[in-house]
mmCIF file of all heavy atoms, coordinates in Angstrom:
data_MODEL
# 
_entry.id   MODEL 
# 
loop_
_atom_site.group_PDB 
_atom_site.id 
_atom_site.type_symbol 
_atom_site.label_atom_id 
_atom_site.label_alt_id 
_atom_site.label_comp_id 
_atom_site.label_asym_id 
_atom_site.label_entity_id 
_atom_site.label_seq_id 
_atom_site.pdbx_PDB_ins_code 
_atom_site.Cartn_x 
_atom_site.Cartn_y 
_atom_site.Cartn_z 
_atom_site.occupancy 
_atom_site.B_iso_or_equiv 
_atom_site.pdbx_formal_charge 
_atom_site.auth_seq_id 
_atom_site.auth_comp_id 
_atom_site.auth_asym_id 
_atom_site.auth_atom_id 
_atom_site.pdbx_PDB_model_num 
ATOM 1   N N   . LYS A 1 1  ? 69.278 136.754 89.765  1.00 0.00 ? 1  LYS A N   1 
ATOM 2   C CA  . LYS A 1 1  ? 69.730 138.125 90.054  1.00 0.00 ? 1  LYS A CA  1 
ATOM 3   C C   . LYS A 1 1  ? 68.641 139.161 89.766  1.00 0.00 ? 1  LYS A C   1 
ATOM 4   O O   . LYS A 1 1  ? 68.511 140.163 90.473  1.00 0.00 ? 1  LYS A O   1 
ATOM 5   C CB  . LYS A 1 1  ? 70.980 138.447 89.235  1.00 0.00 ? 1  LYS A CB  1 
ATOM 6   C CG  . LYS A 1 1  ? 72.263 137.840 89.779  1.00 0.00 ? 1  LYS A CG  1 
ATOM 7   C CD  . LYS A 1 1  ? 73.465 138.315 88.992  1.00 0.00 ? 1  LYS A CD  1 
ATOM 8   C CE  . LYS A 1 1  ? 74.752 137.737 89.562  1.00 0.00 ? 1  LYS A CE  1 
ATOM 9   N NZ  . LYS A 1 1  ? 75.029 138.245 90.920  1.00 0.00 ? 1  LYS A NZ  1 
ATOM 10  N N   . ARG A 1 2  ? 67.853 138.934 88.709  1.00 0.00 ? 2  ARG A N   1 
ATOM 11  C CA  . ARG A 1 2  ? 66.842 139.909 88.311  1.00 0.00 ? 2  ARG A CA  1 
ATOM 12  C C   . ARG A 1 2  ? 65.861 140.211 89.431  1.00 0.00 ? 2  ARG A C   1 
ATOM 13  O O   . ARG A 1 2  ? 65.373 141.347 89.560  1.00 0.00 ? 2  ARG A O   1 
ATOM 14  C CB  . ARG A 1 2  ? 66.075 139.393 87.085  1.00 0.00 ? 2  ARG A CB  1 
ATOM 15  C CG  . ARG A 1 2  ? 65.015 140.344 86.567  1.00 0.00 ? 2  ARG A CG  1 
ATOM 16  C CD  . ARG A 1 2  ? 64.234 139.739 85.423  1.00 0.00 ? 2  ARG A CD  1 
ATOM 17  N NE  . ARG A 1 2  ? 63.356 138.664 85.880  1.00 0.00 ? 2  ARG A NE  1 
ATOM 18  C CZ  . ARG A 1 2  ? 62.507 138.004 85.100  1.00 0.00 ? 2  ARG A CZ  1 
ATOM 19  N NH1 . ARG A 1 2  ? 62.443 138.282 83.813  1.00 0.00 ? 2  ARG A NH1 1 
ATOM 20  N NH2 . ARG A 1 2  ? 61.742 137.053 85.585  1.00 0.00 ? 2  ARG A NH2 1 
ATOM 21  N N   . SER A 1 3  ? 65.591 139.206 90.268  1.00 0.00 ? 3  SER A N   1 
ATOM 22  C CA  . SER A 1 3  ? 64.567 139.385 91.303  1.00 0.00 ? 3  SER A CA  1 
ATOM 23  C C   . SER A 1 3  ? 65.154 139.452 92.711  1.00 0.00 ? 3  SER A C   1 
ATOM 24  O O   . SER A 1 3  ? 64.426 139.259 93.694  1.00 0.00 ? 3  SER A O   1 
ATOM 25  C CB  . SER A 1 3  ? 63.538 138.261 91.215  1.00 0.00 ? 3  SER A CB  1 
ATOM 26  O OG  . SER A 1 3  ? 64.159 136.994 91.190  1.00 0.00 ? 3  SER A OG  1 
ATOM 27  N N   . GLN A 1 4  ? 66.445 139.717 92.819  1.00 0.00 ? 4  GLN A N   1 
ATOM 28  C CA  . GLN A 1 4  ? 67.019 139.954 94.146  1.00 0.00 ? 4  GLN A CA  1 
ATOM 29  C C   . GLN A 1 4  ? 66.459 141.263 94.705  1.00 0.00 ? 4  GLN A C   1 
ATOM 30  O O   . GLN A 1 4  ? 66.491 142.298 94.038  1.00 0.00 ? 4  GLN A O   1 
ATOM 31  C CB  . GLN A 1 4  ? 68.543 140.025 94.061  1.00 0.00 ? 4  GLN A CB  1 
ATOM 32  C CG  . GLN A 1 4  ? 69.203 138.672 93.804  1.00 0.00 ? 4  GLN A CG  1 
ATOM 33  C CD  . GLN A 1 4  ? 70.713 138.790 93.642  1.00 0.00 ? 4  GLN A CD  1 
ATOM 34  O OE1 . GLN A 1 4  ? 71.231 139.850 93.286  1.00 0.00 ? 4  GLN A OE1 1 
ATOM 35  N NE2 . GLN A 1 4  ? 71.417 137.699 93.886  1.00 0.00 ? 4  GLN A NE2 1 
ATOM 36  N N   . LEU A 1 5  ? 65.943 141.196 95.901  1.00 0.00 ? 5  LEU A N   1 
ATOM 37  C CA  . LEU A 1 5  ? 65.281 142.358 96.493  1.00 0.00 ? 5  LEU A CA  1 
ATOM 38  C C   . LEU A 1 5  ? 66.297 143.307 97.125  1.00 0.00 ? 5  LEU A C   1 
ATOM 39  O O   . LEU A 1 5  ? 67.341 142.877 97.621  1.00 0.00 ? 5  LEU A O   1 
ATOM 40  C CB  . LEU A 1 5  ? 64.268 141.909 97.541  1.00 0.00 ? 5  LEU A CB  1 
ATOM 41  C CG  . LEU A 1 5  ? 63.138 140.998 97.047  1.00 0.00 ? 5  LEU A CG  1 
ATOM 42  C CD1 . LEU A 1 5  ? 62.190 140.656 98.197  1.00 0.00 ? 5  LEU A CD1 1 
ATOM 43  C CD2 . LEU A 1 5  ? 62.372 141.650 95.908  1.00 0.00 ? 5  LEU A CD2 1 
ATOM 44  N N   . GLU A 1 6  ? 65.935 144.586 97.106  1.00 0.00 ? 6  GLU A N   1 
ATOM 45  C CA  . GLU A 1 6  ? 66.730 145.609 97.765  1.00 0.00 ? 6  GLU A CA  1 
ATOM 46  C C   . GLU A 1 6  ? 65.861 146.351 98.766  1.00 0.00 ? 6  GLU A C   1 
ATOM 47  O O   . GLU A 1 6  ? 64.630 146.368 98.649  1.00 0.00 ? 6  GLU A O   1 
ATOM 48  C CB  . GLU A 1 6  ? 67.295 146.600 96.736  1.00 0.00 ? 6  GLU A CB  1 
ATOM 49  C CG  . GLU A 1 6  ? 68.278 145.976 95.758  1.00 0.00 ? 6  GLU A CG  1 
ATOM 50  C CD  . GLU A 1 6  ? 68.877 147.005 94.810  1.00 0.00 ? 6  GLU A CD  1 
ATOM 51  O OE1 . GLU A 1 6  ? 68.601 148.227 94.989  1.00 0.00 ? 6  GLU A OE1 1 
ATOM 52  O OE2 . GLU A 1 6  ? 69.619 146.600 93.894  1.00 0.00 ? 6  GLU A OE2 1 
ATOM 53  N N   . GLU A 1 7  ? 66.509 146.954 99.741  1.00 0.00 ? 7  GLU A N   1 
ATOM 54  C CA  . GLU A 1 7  ? 65.776 147.742 100.726 1.00 0.00 ? 7  GLU A CA  1 
ATOM 55  C C   . GLU A 1 7  ? 64.949 148.828 100.028 1.00 0.00 ? 7  GLU A C   1 
ATOM 56  O O   . GLU A 1 7  ? 65.418 149.467 99.091  1.00 0.00 ? 7  GLU A O   1 
ATOM 57  C CB  . GLU A 1 7  ? 66.753 148.388 101.710 1.00 0.00 ? 7  GLU A CB  1 
ATOM 58  C CG  . GLU A 1 7  ? 66.070 149.146 102.832 1.00 0.00 ? 7  GLU A CG  1 
ATOM 59  C CD  . GLU A 1 7  ? 67.050 149.779 103.797 1.00 0.00 ? 7  GLU A CD  1 
ATOM 60  O OE1 . GLU A 1 7  ? 68.274 149.700 103.547 1.00 0.00 ? 7  GLU A OE1 1 
ATOM 61  O OE2 . GLU A 1 7  ? 66.585 150.355 104.804 1.00 0.00 ? 7  GLU A OE2 1 
ATOM 62  N N   . ASN A 1 8  ? 63.714 148.983 100.463 1.00 0.00 ? 8  ASN A N   1 
ATOM 63  C CA  . ASN A 1 8  ? 62.758 149.980 99.957  1.00 0.00 ? 8  ASN A CA  1 
ATOM 64  C C   . ASN A 1 8  ? 62.131 149.618 98.613  1.00 0.00 ? 8  ASN A C   1 
ATOM 65  O O   . ASN A 1 8  ? 61.386 150.432 98.046  1.00 0.00 ? 8  ASN A O   1 
ATOM 66  C CB  . ASN A 1 8  ? 63.386 151.371 99.880  1.00 0.00 ? 8  ASN A CB  1 
ATOM 67  C CG  . ASN A 1 8  ? 63.672 151.936 101.260 1.00 0.00 ? 8  ASN A CG  1 
ATOM 68  O OD1 . ASN A 1 8  ? 62.879 151.778 102.179 1.00 0.00 ? 8  ASN A OD1 1 
ATOM 69  N ND2 . ASN A 1 8  ? 64.821 152.578 101.414 1.00 0.00 ? 8  ASN A ND2 1 
ATOM 70  N N   . ASP A 1 9  ? 62.400 148.425 98.087  1.00 0.00 ? 9  ASP A N   1 
ATOM 71  C CA  . ASP A 1 9  ? 61.616 147.955 96.944  1.00 0.00 ? 9  ASP A CA  1 
ATOM 72  C C   . ASP A 1 9  ? 60.154 147.840 97.376  1.00 0.00 ? 9  ASP A C   1 
ATOM 73  O O   . ASP A 1 9  ? 59.863 147.460 98.518  1.00 0.00 ? 9  ASP A O   1 
ATOM 74  C CB  . ASP A 1 9  ? 62.087 146.568 96.479  1.00 0.00 ? 9  ASP A CB  1 
ATOM 75  C CG  . ASP A 1 9  ? 63.360 146.622 95.654  1.00 0.00 ? 9  ASP A CG  1 
ATOM 76  O OD1 . ASP A 1 9  ? 63.752 147.712 95.221  1.00 0.00 ? 9  ASP A OD1 1 
ATOM 77  O OD2 . ASP A 1 9  ? 63.962 145.538 95.440  1.00 0.00 ? 9  ASP A OD2 1 
ATOM 78  N N   . ILE A 1 10 ? 59.243 148.148 96.462  1.00 0.00 ? 10 ILE A N   1 
ATOM 79  C CA  . ILE A 1 10 ? 57.819 147.931 96.722  1.00 0.00 ? 10 ILE A CA  1 
ATOM 80  C C   . ILE A 1 10 ? 57.405 146.633 96.042  1.00 0.00 ? 10 ILE A C   1 
ATOM 81  O O   . ILE A 1 10 ? 57.700 146.427 94.860  1.00 0.00 ? 10 ILE A O   1 
ATOM 82  C CB  . ILE A 1 10 ? 56.969 149.101 96.188  1.00 0.00 ? 10 ILE A CB  1 
ATOM 83  C CG1 . ILE A 1 10 ? 57.299 150.387 96.948  1.00 0.00 ? 10 ILE A CG1 1 
ATOM 84  C CG2 . ILE A 1 10 ? 55.475 148.788 96.330  1.00 0.00 ? 10 ILE A CG2 1 
ATOM 85  C CD1 . ILE A 1 10 ? 56.576 151.614 96.414  1.00 0.00 ? 10 ILE A CD1 1 
ATOM 86  N N   . LEU A 1 11 ? 56.758 145.754 96.794  1.00 0.00 ? 11 LEU A N   1 
ATOM 87  C CA  . LEU A 1 11 ? 56.227 144.516 96.231  1.00 0.00 ? 11 LEU A CA  1 
ATOM 88  C C   . LEU A 1 11 ? 54.719 144.674 96.041  1.00 0.00 ? 11 LEU A C   1 
ATOM 89  O O   . LEU A 1 11 ? 54.025 145.194 96.912  1.00 0.00 ? 11 LEU A O   1 
ATOM 90  C CB  . LEU A 1 11 ? 56.528 143.328 97.142  1.00 0.00 ? 11 LEU A CB  1 
ATOM 91  C CG  . LEU A 1 11 ? 58.009 143.019 97.403  1.00 0.00 ? 11 LEU A CG  1 
ATOM 92  C CD1 . LEU A 1 11 ? 58.142 141.771 98.261  1.00 0.00 ? 11 LEU A CD1 1 
ATOM 93  C CD2 . LEU A 1 11 ? 58.770 142.854 96.094  1.00 0.00 ? 11 LEU A CD2 1 
ATOM 94  N N   . PHE A 1 12 ? 54.226 144.191 94.888  1.00 0.00 ? 12 PHE A N   1 
ATOM 95  C CA  . PHE A 1 12 ? 52.805 144.302 94.544  1.00 0.00 ? 12 PHE A CA  1 
ATOM 96  C C   . PHE A 1 12 ? 52.384 142.976 93.923  1.00 0.00 ? 12 PHE A C   1 
ATOM 97  O O   . PHE A 1 12 ? 52.925 142.569 92.894  1.00 0.00 ? 12 PHE A O   1 
ATOM 98  C CB  . PHE A 1 12 ? 52.610 145.455 93.552  1.00 0.00 ? 12 PHE A CB  1 
ATOM 99  C CG  . PHE A 1 12 ? 51.167 145.760 93.214  1.00 0.00 ? 12 PHE A CG  1 
ATOM 100 C CD1 . PHE A 1 12 ? 50.455 146.690 93.945  1.00 0.00 ? 12 PHE A CD1 1 
ATOM 101 C CD2 . PHE A 1 12 ? 50.538 145.123 92.157  1.00 0.00 ? 12 PHE A CD2 1 
ATOM 102 C CE1 . PHE A 1 12 ? 49.133 146.983 93.624  1.00 0.00 ? 12 PHE A CE1 1 
ATOM 103 C CE2 . PHE A 1 12 ? 49.220 145.400 91.830  1.00 0.00 ? 12 PHE A CE2 1 
ATOM 104 C CZ  . PHE A 1 12 ? 48.511 146.335 92.572  1.00 0.00 ? 12 PHE A CZ  1 
ATOM 105 N N   . SER A 1 13 ? 51.437 142.284 94.560  1.00 0.00 ? 13 SER A N   1 
ATOM 106 C CA  . SER A 1 13 ? 51.045 140.962 94.058  1.00 0.00 ? 13 SER A CA  1 
ATOM 107 C C   . SER A 1 13 ? 50.246 141.096 92.766  1.00 0.00 ? 13 SER A C   1 
ATOM 108 O O   . SER A 1 13 ? 49.325 141.900 92.668  1.00 0.00 ? 13 SER A O   1 
ATOM 109 C CB  . SER A 1 13 ? 50.237 140.194 95.104  1.00 0.00 ? 13 SER A CB  1 
ATOM 110 O OG  . SER A 1 13 ? 49.075 140.898 95.473  1.00 0.00 ? 13 SER A OG  1 
ATOM 111 N N   . ILE A 1 14 ? 50.631 140.305 91.757  1.00 0.00 ? 14 ILE A N   1 
ATOM 112 C CA  . ILE A 1 14 ? 50.027 140.411 90.426  1.00 0.00 ? 14 ILE A CA  1 
ATOM 113 C C   . ILE A 1 14 ? 49.336 139.119 89.994  1.00 0.00 ? 14 ILE A C   1 
ATOM 114 O O   . ILE A 1 14 ? 48.868 139.006 88.863  1.00 0.00 ? 14 ILE A O   1 
ATOM 115 C CB  . ILE A 1 14 ? 51.077 140.809 89.371  1.00 0.00 ? 14 ILE A CB  1 
ATOM 116 C CG1 . ILE A 1 14 ? 52.254 139.829 89.356  1.00 0.00 ? 14 ILE A CG1 1 
ATOM 117 C CG2 . ILE A 1 14 ? 51.569 142.230 89.626  1.00 0.00 ? 14 ILE A CG2 1 
ATOM 118 C CD1 . ILE A 1 14 ? 53.289 140.117 88.269  1.00 0.00 ? 14 ILE A CD1 1 
ATOM 119 N N   . ALA A 1 15 ? 49.247 138.150 90.905  1.00 0.00 ? 15 ALA A N   1 
ATOM 120 C CA  . ALA A 1 15 ? 48.542 136.896 90.606  1.00 0.00 ? 15 ALA A CA  1 
ATOM 121 C C   . ALA A 1 15 ? 47.858 136.412 91.873  1.00 0.00 ? 15 ALA A C   1 
ATOM 122 O O   . ALA A 1 15 ? 48.344 136.644 92.982  1.00 0.00 ? 15 ALA A O   1 
ATOM 123 C CB  . ALA A 1 15 ? 49.514 135.841 90.091  1.00 0.00 ? 15 ALA A CB  1 
ATOM 124 N N   . GLY A 1 16 ? 46.719 135.748 91.717  1.00 0.00 ? 16 GLY A N   1 
ATOM 125 C CA  . GLY A 1 16 ? 45.999 135.246 92.882  1.00 0.00 ? 16 GLY A CA  1 
ATOM 126 C C   . GLY A 1 16 ? 45.375 136.380 93.670  1.00 0.00 ? 16 GLY A C   1 
ATOM 127 O O   . GLY A 1 16 ? 44.447 137.036 93.216  1.00 0.00 ? 16 GLY A O   1 
ATOM 128 N N   . ALA A 1 17 ? 45.915 136.638 94.862  1.00 0.00 ? 17 ALA A N   1 
ATOM 129 C CA  . ALA A 1 17 ? 45.421 137.738 95.708  1.00 0.00 ? 17 ALA A CA  1 
ATOM 130 C C   . ALA A 1 17 ? 46.012 139.052 95.212  1.00 0.00 ? 17 ALA A C   1 
ATOM 131 O O   . ALA A 1 17 ? 46.950 139.596 95.793  1.00 0.00 ? 17 ALA A O   1 
ATOM 132 C CB  . ALA A 1 17 ? 45.799 137.490 97.169  1.00 0.00 ? 17 ALA A CB  1 
ATOM 133 N N   . ILE A 1 18 ? 45.468 139.563 94.129  1.00 0.00 ? 18 ILE A N   1 
ATOM 134 C CA  . ILE A 1 18 ? 46.030 140.747 93.469  1.00 0.00 ? 18 ILE A CA  1 
ATOM 135 C C   . ILE A 1 18 ? 45.920 141.987 94.358  1.00 0.00 ? 18 ILE A C   1 
ATOM 136 O O   . ILE A 1 18 ? 44.893 142.225 94.987  1.00 0.00 ? 18 ILE A O   1 
ATOM 137 C CB  . ILE A 1 18 ? 45.335 140.988 92.119  1.00 0.00 ? 18 ILE A CB  1 
ATOM 138 C CG1 . ILE A 1 18 ? 45.777 139.913 91.116  1.00 0.00 ? 18 ILE A CG1 1 
ATOM 139 C CG2 . ILE A 1 18 ? 45.635 142.375 91.567  1.00 0.00 ? 18 ILE A CG2 1 
ATOM 140 C CD1 . ILE A 1 18 ? 45.104 140.000 89.779  1.00 0.00 ? 18 ILE A CD1 1 
ATOM 141 N N   . GLY A 1 19 ? 47.022 142.770 94.394  1.00 0.00 ? 19 GLY A N   1 
ATOM 142 C CA  . GLY A 1 19 ? 46.997 144.043 95.087  1.00 0.00 ? 19 GLY A CA  1 
ATOM 143 C C   . GLY A 1 19 ? 47.599 144.064 96.467  1.00 0.00 ? 19 GLY A C   1 
ATOM 144 O O   . GLY A 1 19 ? 47.611 145.101 97.132  1.00 0.00 ? 19 GLY A O   1 
ATOM 145 N N   . ARG A 1 20 ? 48.139 142.939 96.936  1.00 0.00 ? 20 ARG A N   1 
ATOM 146 C CA  . ARG A 1 20 ? 48.800 142.944 98.242  1.00 0.00 ? 20 ARG A CA  1 
ATOM 147 C C   . ARG A 1 20 ? 50.138 143.686 98.109  1.00 0.00 ? 20 ARG A C   1 
ATOM 148 O O   . ARG A 1 20 ? 50.898 143.431 97.179  1.00 0.00 ? 20 ARG A O   1 
ATOM 149 C CB  . ARG A 1 20 ? 49.008 141.515 98.738  1.00 0.00 ? 20 ARG A CB  1 
ATOM 150 C CG  . ARG A 1 20 ? 49.361 141.421 100.202 1.00 0.00 ? 20 ARG A CG  1 
ATOM 151 C CD  . ARG A 1 20 ? 49.135 140.031 100.753 1.00 0.00 ? 20 ARG A CD  1 
ATOM 152 N NE  . ARG A 1 20 ? 47.712 139.681 100.750 1.00 0.00 ? 20 ARG A NE  1 
ATOM 153 C CZ  . ARG A 1 20 ? 47.235 138.576 101.311 1.00 0.00 ? 20 ARG A CZ  1 
ATOM 154 N NH1 . ARG A 1 20 ? 48.050 137.717 101.905 1.00 0.00 ? 20 ARG A NH1 1 
ATOM 155 N NH2 . ARG A 1 20 ? 45.941 138.326 101.280 1.00 0.00 ? 20 ARG A NH2 1 
ATOM 156 N N   . THR A 1 21 ? 50.435 144.590 99.020  1.00 0.00 ? 21 THR A N   1 
ATOM 157 C CA  . THR A 1 21 ? 51.598 145.466 98.873  1.00 0.00 ? 21 THR A CA  1 
ATOM 158 C C   . THR A 1 21 ? 52.451 145.485 100.132 1.00 0.00 ? 21 THR A C   1 
ATOM 159 O O   . THR A 1 21 ? 51.959 145.249 101.242 1.00 0.00 ? 21 THR A O   1 
ATOM 160 C CB  . THR A 1 21 ? 51.164 146.911 98.570  1.00 0.00 ? 21 THR A CB  1 
ATOM 161 O OG1 . THR A 1 21 ? 50.295 147.353 99.615  1.00 0.00 ? 21 THR A OG1 1 
ATOM 162 C CG2 . THR A 1 21 ? 50.445 147.010 97.242  1.00 0.00 ? 21 THR A CG2 1 
ATOM 163 N N   . ALA A 1 22 ? 53.737 145.794 99.953  1.00 0.00 ? 22 ALA A N   1 
ATOM 164 C CA  . ALA A 1 22 ? 54.649 145.942 101.085 1.00 0.00 ? 22 ALA A CA  1 
ATOM 165 C C   . ALA A 1 22 ? 55.916 146.643 100.618 1.00 0.00 ? 22 ALA A C   1 
ATOM 166 O O   . ALA A 1 22 ? 56.271 146.583 99.435  1.00 0.00 ? 22 ALA A O   1 
ATOM 167 C CB  . ALA A 1 22 ? 54.991 144.584 101.692 1.00 0.00 ? 22 ALA A CB  1 
ATOM 168 N N   . ILE A 1 23 ? 56.594 147.304 101.547 1.00 0.00 ? 23 ILE A N   1 
ATOM 169 C CA  . ILE A 1 23 ? 57.904 147.890 101.285 1.00 0.00 ? 23 ILE A CA  1 
ATOM 170 C C   . ILE A 1 23 ? 58.955 147.006 101.950 1.00 0.00 ? 23 ILE A C   1 
ATOM 171 O O   . ILE A 1 23 ? 58.837 146.656 103.127 1.00 0.00 ? 23 ILE A O   1 
ATOM 172 C CB  . ILE A 1 23 ? 57.994 149.329 101.826 1.00 0.00 ? 23 ILE A CB  1 
ATOM 173 C CG1 . ILE A 1 23 ? 57.028 150.244 101.065 1.00 0.00 ? 23 ILE A CG1 1 
ATOM 174 C CG2 . ILE A 1 23 ? 59.419 149.863 101.703 1.00 0.00 ? 23 ILE A CG2 1 
ATOM 175 C CD1 . ILE A 1 23 ? 57.013 151.684 101.560 1.00 0.00 ? 23 ILE A CD1 1 
ATOM 176 N N   . VAL A 1 24 ? 59.980 146.625 101.205 1.00 0.00 ? 24 VAL A N   1 
ATOM 177 C CA  . VAL A 1 24 ? 60.994 145.698 101.689 1.00 0.00 ? 24 VAL A CA  1 
ATOM 178 C C   . VAL A 1 24 ? 61.888 146.384 102.730 1.00 0.00 ? 24 VAL A C   1 
ATOM 179 O O   . VAL A 1 24 ? 62.524 147.400 102.428 1.00 0.00 ? 24 VAL A O   1 
ATOM 180 C CB  . VAL A 1 24 ? 61.865 145.179 100.522 1.00 0.00 ? 24 VAL A CB  1 
ATOM 181 C CG1 . VAL A 1 24 ? 63.004 144.302 101.051 1.00 0.00 ? 24 VAL A CG1 1 
ATOM 182 C CG2 . VAL A 1 24 ? 60.999 144.404 99.524  1.00 0.00 ? 24 VAL A CG2 1 
ATOM 183 N N   . PRO A 1 25 ? 61.952 145.841 103.956 1.00 0.00 ? 25 PRO A N   1 
ATOM 184 C CA  . PRO A 1 25 ? 62.856 146.397 104.965 1.00 0.00 ? 25 PRO A CA  1 
ATOM 185 C C   . PRO A 1 25 ? 64.224 145.716 104.897 1.00 0.00 ? 25 PRO A C   1 
ATOM 186 O O   . PRO A 1 25 ? 64.345 144.598 104.385 1.00 0.00 ? 25 PRO A O   1 
ATOM 187 C CB  . PRO A 1 25 ? 62.149 146.036 106.281 1.00 0.00 ? 25 PRO A CB  1 
ATOM 188 C CG  . PRO A 1 25 ? 61.476 144.735 105.976 1.00 0.00 ? 25 PRO A CG  1 
ATOM 189 C CD  . PRO A 1 25 ? 61.089 144.786 104.517 1.00 0.00 ? 25 PRO A CD  1 
ATOM 190 N N   . ARG A 1 26 ? 65.231 146.366 105.422 1.00 0.00 ? 26 ARG A N   1 
ATOM 191 C CA  . ARG A 1 26 ? 66.576 145.792 105.412 1.00 0.00 ? 26 ARG A CA  1 
ATOM 192 C C   . ARG A 1 26 ? 66.626 144.476 106.195 1.00 0.00 ? 26 ARG A C   1 
ATOM 193 O O   . ARG A 1 26 ? 67.418 143.577 105.874 1.00 0.00 ? 26 ARG A O   1 
ATOM 194 C CB  . ARG A 1 26 ? 67.559 146.793 106.023 1.00 0.00 ? 26 ARG A CB  1 
ATOM 195 C CG  . ARG A 1 26 ? 69.017 146.329 106.019 1.00 0.00 ? 26 ARG A CG  1 
ATOM 196 C CD  . ARG A 1 26 ? 69.929 147.351 106.676 1.00 0.00 ? 26 ARG A CD  1 
ATOM 197 N NE  . ARG A 1 26 ? 69.842 148.629 106.003 1.00 0.00 ? 26 ARG A NE  1 
ATOM 198 C CZ  . ARG A 1 26 ? 70.479 149.726 106.415 1.00 0.00 ? 26 ARG A CZ  1 
ATOM 199 N NH1 . ARG A 1 26 ? 71.225 149.683 107.516 1.00 0.00 ? 26 ARG A NH1 1 
ATOM 200 N NH2 . ARG A 1 26 ? 70.367 150.856 105.749 1.00 0.00 ? 26 ARG A NH2 1 
ATOM 201 N N   . SER A 1 27 ? 65.761 144.342 107.205 1.00 0.00 ? 27 SER A N   1 
ATOM 202 C CA  . SER A 1 27 ? 65.826 143.196 108.113 1.00 0.00 ? 27 SER A CA  1 
ATOM 203 C C   . SER A 1 27 ? 65.573 141.849 107.446 1.00 0.00 ? 27 SER A C   1 
ATOM 204 O O   . SER A 1 27 ? 65.972 140.815 107.981 1.00 0.00 ? 27 SER A O   1 
ATOM 205 C CB  . SER A 1 27 ? 64.827 143.380 109.257 1.00 0.00 ? 27 SER A CB  1 
ATOM 206 O OG  . SER A 1 27 ? 63.502 143.494 108.755 1.00 0.00 ? 27 SER A OG  1 
ATOM 207 N N   . ILE A 1 28 ? 64.904 141.815 106.279 1.00 0.00 ? 28 ILE A N   1 
ATOM 208 C CA  . ILE A 1 28 ? 64.616 140.515 105.650 1.00 0.00 ? 28 ILE A CA  1 
ATOM 209 C C   . ILE A 1 28 ? 65.637 140.153 104.581 1.00 0.00 ? 28 ILE A C   1 
ATOM 210 O O   . ILE A 1 28 ? 65.560 139.082 103.981 1.00 0.00 ? 28 ILE A O   1 
ATOM 211 C CB  . ILE A 1 28 ? 63.196 140.464 105.048 1.00 0.00 ? 28 ILE A CB  1 
ATOM 212 C CG1 . ILE A 1 28 ? 63.108 141.292 103.764 1.00 0.00 ? 28 ILE A CG1 1 
ATOM 213 C CG2 . ILE A 1 28 ? 62.150 140.888 106.062 1.00 0.00 ? 28 ILE A CG2 1 
ATOM 214 C CD1 . ILE A 1 28 ? 61.881 140.981 102.938 1.00 0.00 ? 28 ILE A CD1 1 
# 
């Protein structure tokens, strides 16, 4: 439950390829 995504959450990669970003759309 802690990591269930919601629309408009911002994702930011913190391991490996650090700094990859995206805004979560409703479609996924």
